[in-house]
Protein backbone atom coordinates (compact mmCIF):
# COMPACT_ATOMS: atom_id res chain seq x y z
CA UNK A 1 94.94 1.58 120.18
CA UNK A 2 94.46 4.51 122.70
CA UNK A 3 97.61 6.01 124.31
CA UNK A 4 97.10 6.67 127.99
CA UNK A 5 98.54 9.86 129.87
CA UNK A 6 101.96 9.97 130.57
CA UNK A 7 102.86 6.73 128.25
CA UNK A 8 104.14 5.65 124.89
CA UNK A 9 103.30 3.03 122.66
CA UNK A 10 106.58 1.87 120.48
CA UNK A 11 105.79 -0.05 117.10
CA UNK A 12 108.29 -2.14 115.42
CA UNK A 13 107.95 -0.46 112.15
CA UNK A 14 105.74 1.82 110.05
CA UNK A 15 106.87 0.10 106.77
CA UNK A 16 104.55 1.06 103.55
CA UNK A 17 102.99 -1.91 101.67
CA UNK A 18 105.45 -0.87 98.70
CA UNK A 19 108.55 0.64 98.86
CA UNK A 20 109.98 3.37 96.07
CA UNK A 21 111.09 1.39 93.06
CA UNK A 22 109.58 -0.27 89.48
CA UNK A 23 107.23 -2.69 89.56
CA UNK A 24 105.15 -4.94 87.06
CA UNK A 25 101.85 -6.36 87.19
CA UNK A 26 100.64 -9.15 85.23
CA UNK A 27 96.90 -10.07 85.16
CA UNK A 28 96.05 -13.70 83.70
CA UNK A 29 92.30 -14.91 82.85
CA UNK A 30 91.22 -18.23 81.68
CA UNK A 31 87.93 -18.68 80.69
CA UNK A 32 86.24 -22.35 80.65
CA UNK A 33 82.80 -23.63 80.33
CA UNK A 34 80.50 -26.00 82.64
CA UNK A 35 78.77 -27.26 79.98
CA UNK A 36 80.60 -30.18 77.89
CA UNK A 37 77.72 -29.36 75.20
CA UNK A 38 79.51 -25.76 74.92
CA UNK A 39 83.15 -26.37 75.28
CA UNK A 40 85.71 -23.44 74.91
CA UNK A 41 88.86 -24.78 74.17
CA UNK A 42 90.45 -22.16 72.06
CA UNK A 43 91.16 -18.20 72.26
CA UNK A 44 90.16 -18.57 75.77
CA UNK A 45 93.14 -17.20 77.75
CA UNK A 46 93.79 -13.67 78.15
CA UNK A 47 96.71 -11.74 79.76
CA UNK A 48 98.14 -8.13 80.21
CA UNK A 49 100.95 -6.61 81.93
CA UNK A 50 101.40 -3.21 83.32
CA UNK A 51 104.17 -1.39 84.50
CA UNK A 52 104.60 1.27 87.18
CA UNK A 53 106.50 3.20 89.47
CA UNK A 54 106.39 4.01 92.94
CA UNK A 55 108.18 7.00 94.00
CA UNK A 56 109.87 8.38 97.33
CA UNK A 57 112.40 10.68 98.81
CA UNK A 58 115.94 9.57 98.23
CA UNK A 59 118.60 11.96 98.04
CA UNK A 60 117.03 15.29 99.36
CA UNK A 61 114.71 14.67 102.19
CA UNK A 62 111.91 17.25 102.64
CA UNK A 63 112.73 19.23 105.91
CA UNK A 64 109.19 19.23 106.65
CA UNK A 65 109.53 15.51 107.28
CA UNK A 66 111.86 16.20 110.16
CA UNK A 67 110.25 16.74 113.39
CA UNK A 68 113.35 17.02 115.65
CA UNK A 69 116.90 15.79 116.68
CA UNK A 70 118.26 14.61 120.22
CA UNK A 71 120.20 15.66 121.75
CA UNK A 72 119.35 19.15 120.04
CA UNK A 73 121.77 20.94 117.88
CA UNK A 74 124.44 23.19 119.19
CA UNK A 75 123.54 21.56 122.85
CA UNK A 76 126.10 21.16 125.42
CA UNK A 77 124.78 18.62 128.67
CA UNK A 78 125.58 15.43 130.20
CA UNK A 79 124.69 13.18 126.71
CA UNK A 80 127.63 10.52 127.74
CA UNK A 81 124.72 7.59 127.71
CA UNK A 82 122.43 9.15 125.00
CA UNK A 83 122.30 7.71 121.75
CA UNK A 84 121.39 10.31 118.96
CA UNK A 85 118.12 9.97 117.82
CA UNK A 86 116.21 11.66 114.61
CA UNK A 87 112.37 11.70 114.72
CA UNK A 88 110.68 12.20 111.31
CA UNK A 89 106.72 12.84 111.28
CA UNK A 90 106.65 11.05 107.80
CA UNK A 91 105.74 7.64 109.31
CA UNK A 92 106.65 5.58 106.67
CA UNK A 93 110.17 7.69 105.26
CA UNK A 94 112.84 5.36 107.39
CA UNK A 95 111.27 2.24 105.35
CA UNK A 96 110.28 3.43 101.88
CA UNK A 97 113.71 2.33 100.12
CA UNK A 98 115.70 -0.90 100.46
CA UNK A 99 119.21 -1.60 102.17
CA UNK A 100 119.32 -5.00 100.47
CA UNK A 101 121.22 -4.89 97.20
CA UNK A 102 119.83 -7.32 94.70
CA UNK A 103 123.40 -8.33 93.76
CA UNK A 104 124.05 -9.63 97.52
CA UNK A 105 123.97 -13.21 98.56
CA UNK A 106 121.19 -12.61 101.51
CA UNK A 107 119.34 -15.33 103.61
CA UNK A 108 115.65 -15.55 102.58
CA UNK A 109 115.05 -13.99 106.14
CA UNK A 110 117.38 -11.08 105.40
CA UNK A 111 115.33 -10.30 101.88
CA UNK A 112 112.01 -10.18 103.50
CA UNK A 113 113.20 -7.84 106.80
CA UNK A 114 111.95 -4.29 106.66
CA UNK A 115 115.51 -2.62 107.46
CA UNK A 116 115.51 1.19 107.69
CA UNK A 117 117.39 2.79 104.89
CA UNK A 118 118.40 5.79 106.88
CA UNK A 119 120.86 5.74 109.59
CA UNK A 120 122.74 8.07 111.65
CA UNK A 121 126.58 8.32 112.04
CA UNK A 122 128.35 9.58 115.14
CA UNK A 123 131.87 11.29 114.51
CA UNK A 124 134.05 12.20 117.43
CA UNK A 125 136.53 14.88 117.39
CA UNK A 126 139.28 12.43 117.33
CA UNK A 127 137.81 10.66 114.41
CA UNK A 128 137.37 13.43 112.97
CA UNK A 129 134.03 14.15 111.11
CA UNK A 130 134.57 13.96 107.26
CA UNK A 131 133.86 17.19 105.12
CA UNK A 132 130.85 18.06 103.38
CA UNK A 133 130.87 17.84 99.28
CA UNK A 134 128.49 18.88 96.71
CA UNK A 135 127.88 16.27 94.04
CA UNK A 136 126.03 15.82 90.91
CA UNK A 137 123.55 12.65 91.01
CA UNK A 138 125.58 11.87 87.63
CA UNK A 139 128.89 11.69 89.04
CA UNK A 140 127.63 9.49 92.59
CA UNK A 141 129.13 6.28 90.95
CA UNK A 142 132.49 8.00 89.67
CA UNK A 143 134.73 7.44 92.81
CA UNK A 144 137.95 8.06 91.32
CA UNK A 145 139.07 5.20 89.65
CA UNK A 146 137.29 3.03 91.98
CA UNK A 147 139.10 3.78 95.15
CA UNK A 148 135.73 5.15 96.89
CA UNK A 149 133.11 2.31 97.25
CA UNK A 150 129.56 2.96 96.14
CA UNK A 151 126.84 0.41 95.17
CA UNK A 152 127.92 -0.47 91.82
CA UNK A 153 124.29 -1.23 90.30
CA UNK A 154 123.41 2.28 91.38
CA UNK A 155 121.12 3.75 88.72
CA UNK A 156 119.10 7.01 88.48
CA UNK A 157 115.33 6.38 88.60
CA UNK A 158 112.28 8.11 87.30
CA UNK A 159 112.19 11.70 87.32
CA UNK A 160 116.07 12.15 88.60
CA UNK A 161 118.09 14.24 87.13
CA UNK A 162 121.81 13.67 86.71
CA UNK A 163 122.48 17.26 86.65
CA UNK A 164 120.72 17.65 90.32
CA UNK A 165 123.07 18.01 93.16
CA UNK A 166 123.28 16.13 96.68
CA UNK A 167 125.78 16.02 99.45
CA UNK A 168 128.00 13.44 100.12
CA UNK A 169 130.84 12.53 102.85
CA UNK A 170 133.61 9.84 102.18
CA UNK A 171 134.17 8.18 105.14
CA UNK A 172 137.85 6.46 105.41
CA UNK A 173 137.55 2.49 105.25
CA UNK A 174 139.16 2.11 108.76
CA UNK A 175 136.61 4.43 110.52
CA UNK A 176 133.40 3.08 108.44
CA UNK A 177 134.13 -0.09 109.74
CA UNK A 178 134.30 0.83 113.26
CA UNK A 179 131.39 3.16 113.56
CA UNK A 180 128.88 1.70 111.27
CA UNK A 181 126.39 -0.47 112.31
CA UNK A 182 126.19 -4.00 110.89
CA UNK A 183 123.10 -5.29 108.89
CA UNK A 184 121.82 -6.81 111.81
CA UNK A 185 122.14 -3.97 114.01
CA UNK A 186 120.37 -2.04 111.83
CA UNK A 187 117.12 -3.62 111.75
CA UNK A 188 116.98 -2.69 115.47
CA UNK A 189 117.70 1.15 115.08
CA UNK A 190 114.53 2.41 113.90
CA UNK A 191 110.99 2.21 115.20
CA UNK A 192 107.49 3.87 115.35
CA UNK A 193 106.35 5.73 118.17
CA UNK A 194 102.67 6.72 119.55
CA UNK A 195 101.83 9.32 122.39
CA UNK A 196 99.51 11.89 122.86
CA UNK A 197 100.16 15.25 120.55
CA UNK A 198 99.88 17.40 123.67
CA UNK A 199 102.67 16.16 125.13
CA UNK A 200 104.97 17.22 122.17
CA UNK A 201 103.63 20.56 121.33
CA UNK A 202 106.46 22.87 119.87
CA UNK A 203 104.17 25.10 117.70
CA UNK A 204 100.86 25.50 119.31
CA UNK A 205 99.34 26.35 115.46
CA UNK A 206 100.59 22.74 114.57
CA UNK A 207 98.28 20.03 114.37
CA UNK A 208 100.31 17.19 115.41
CA UNK A 209 98.93 13.44 114.92
CA UNK A 210 101.19 12.11 118.13
CA UNK A 211 102.31 9.24 115.47
CA UNK A 212 106.44 9.30 114.64
CA UNK A 213 108.94 7.19 113.47
CA UNK A 214 112.75 7.55 114.97
CA UNK A 215 115.89 6.38 113.85
CA UNK A 216 118.83 5.64 116.34
CA UNK A 217 122.53 6.02 115.86
CA UNK A 218 124.84 3.09 117.25
CA UNK A 219 127.32 4.84 119.05
CA UNK A 220 127.68 6.72 122.00
CA UNK A 221 129.19 10.11 122.39
CA UNK A 222 132.96 10.29 123.65
CA UNK A 223 132.93 12.29 127.32
CA UNK A 224 135.29 14.77 128.47
CA UNK A 225 135.03 16.43 132.07
CA UNK A 226 135.63 20.42 131.94
CA UNK A 227 135.71 20.63 135.87
CA UNK A 228 139.76 21.43 135.34
CA UNK A 229 139.47 23.73 132.18
CA UNK A 230 141.75 26.28 134.11
CA UNK A 231 144.58 23.76 134.53
CA UNK A 232 144.07 21.56 131.33
CA UNK A 233 143.44 23.09 127.81
CA UNK A 234 142.15 19.65 127.14
CA UNK A 235 139.18 19.22 129.87
CA UNK A 236 136.36 20.64 127.87
CA UNK A 237 133.09 19.74 126.35
CA UNK A 238 133.85 17.23 123.66
CA UNK A 239 131.99 17.68 120.34
CA UNK A 240 129.91 15.05 118.94
CA UNK A 241 128.95 15.70 115.01
CA UNK A 242 126.02 13.34 113.68
CA UNK A 243 125.26 12.63 110.07
CA UNK A 244 121.96 11.50 108.72
CA UNK A 245 122.89 9.35 106.28
CA UNK A 246 121.06 7.03 103.12
CA UNK A 247 121.97 3.51 103.02
CA UNK A 248 120.16 2.21 99.95
CA UNK A 249 121.76 -0.77 98.56
CA UNK A 250 124.66 -1.20 101.11
CA UNK A 251 123.72 -4.55 102.84
CA UNK A 252 127.29 -5.67 100.64
CA UNK A 253 129.18 -3.91 103.13
CA UNK A 254 127.19 -3.66 106.44
CA UNK A 255 126.87 -7.59 106.14
CA UNK A 256 130.50 -8.55 105.60
CA UNK A 257 133.50 -5.51 105.59
CA UNK A 258 135.21 -7.67 103.30
CA UNK A 259 133.69 -6.40 100.58
CA UNK A 260 135.79 -3.11 101.08
CA UNK A 261 139.52 -4.52 100.59
CA UNK A 262 140.60 -2.39 97.87
CA UNK A 263 138.70 0.57 98.76
CA UNK A 264 140.03 4.01 100.67
CA UNK A 265 136.76 5.41 101.48
CA UNK A 266 132.99 4.51 101.66
CA UNK A 267 130.77 6.96 99.89
CA UNK A 268 127.53 8.24 101.81
CA UNK A 269 124.58 10.57 100.72
CA UNK A 270 123.69 12.85 103.43
CA UNK A 271 120.50 15.03 104.17
CA UNK A 272 120.75 16.48 107.65
CA UNK A 273 123.67 17.00 110.12
CA UNK A 274 123.99 18.54 113.61
CA UNK A 275 126.51 18.83 116.55
CA UNK A 276 126.32 18.92 120.40
CA UNK A 277 129.05 18.56 122.99
CA UNK A 278 128.98 16.06 125.84
CA UNK A 279 130.14 17.08 129.35
CA UNK A 280 130.59 14.79 132.45
CA UNK A 281 129.23 14.81 136.25
CA UNK A 282 131.60 17.61 137.44
CA UNK A 283 130.10 19.99 135.06
CA UNK A 284 126.49 19.76 137.03
CA UNK A 285 124.49 22.69 138.32
CA UNK A 286 125.59 21.93 141.80
CA UNK A 287 129.43 22.58 140.88
CA UNK A 288 129.05 25.59 138.96
CA UNK A 289 127.47 27.09 142.31
CA UNK A 290 130.32 25.67 144.41
CA UNK A 291 132.97 27.02 142.07
CA UNK A 292 131.37 30.43 142.39
CA UNK A 293 132.08 30.16 146.21
CA UNK A 294 135.52 30.64 145.89
CA UNK A 295 137.76 34.14 146.27
CA UNK A 296 141.03 34.70 145.61
CA UNK A 297 141.81 35.94 148.99
CA UNK A 298 140.33 32.92 150.83
CA UNK A 299 136.89 34.65 151.24
CA UNK A 300 133.89 33.43 149.83
CA UNK A 301 132.47 35.37 147.19
CA UNK A 302 128.90 33.26 146.82
CA UNK A 303 127.51 32.38 150.22
CA UNK A 304 124.39 32.47 152.43
CA UNK A 305 125.68 34.09 155.98
CA UNK A 306 128.01 31.36 157.26
CA UNK A 307 126.62 28.95 159.61
CA UNK A 308 127.25 25.39 160.64
CA UNK A 309 123.71 24.45 159.81
CA UNK A 310 122.86 26.66 156.97
CA UNK A 311 126.28 25.19 155.30
CA UNK A 312 125.51 21.92 155.76
CA UNK A 313 121.77 22.49 154.23
CA UNK A 314 123.37 24.09 151.39
CA UNK A 315 125.92 21.08 150.76
CA UNK A 316 123.11 18.42 150.99
CA UNK A 317 121.12 20.71 148.42
CA UNK A 318 124.14 20.78 146.16
CA UNK A 319 124.62 17.07 146.04
């Protein structure tokens, strides 16, 4: 479908035909005769079985597959109504693995759904954000005498080395249940987009397809005004930190938080994180100029020659 200038086409998902994992292919053939005079009744059935593996990124996502994030890293702005987003140039990446855990009691519809296995967790200063840890793949499910939840049936797959490392965060159970998406919500938090490449050129030498996949967080950043920063130390931009995490096999706790009873933390593998700060209306361009229009002796420091008409026009433009 062609994209018109200035428009975006939203696509439900870019799920691949086969997700990463092990598969068994079995072929059967039976030879029969159409001529009763020449019956074929013995040694006429044949079968063969082949096993194969579909590989896919898992613990360390290729940085080249990430196109951009929003809000931008280390930015400060009015993001109080903005859910964090991560854009992939690798179209199928958010769906190449399964959130569904085979040990779970899922409905037939839940088993068939193409949930994204990647998600964005936003942490506010008040949470606060958990510490990053480097850990060997072989130690992922060695979780301090069972107090940290991790999928019980986790196994390394073909080509994965238990000595290789990945980055994890351990999120307290109370905080996880507060900010994590439910299984039903997760289905809505990823989609595909198609747009004209010229509308998204960051590097003029790069060849862009105009097609992307996007994962979206489920939590808005906390907002805080800095209008009275000189009077109240806490009136400043409120920082949020976003972690892109893997949820392969996490349907157990996304569908039912009761499964977390007895645990104090949930372990999540993360492949990217960034931070940004949120401010509100008083910190607009107009308020900055108006704050410059103040002097210690009552005289204006930043103002056009004062006339009632000019002042009225300036105030109108600053609103």
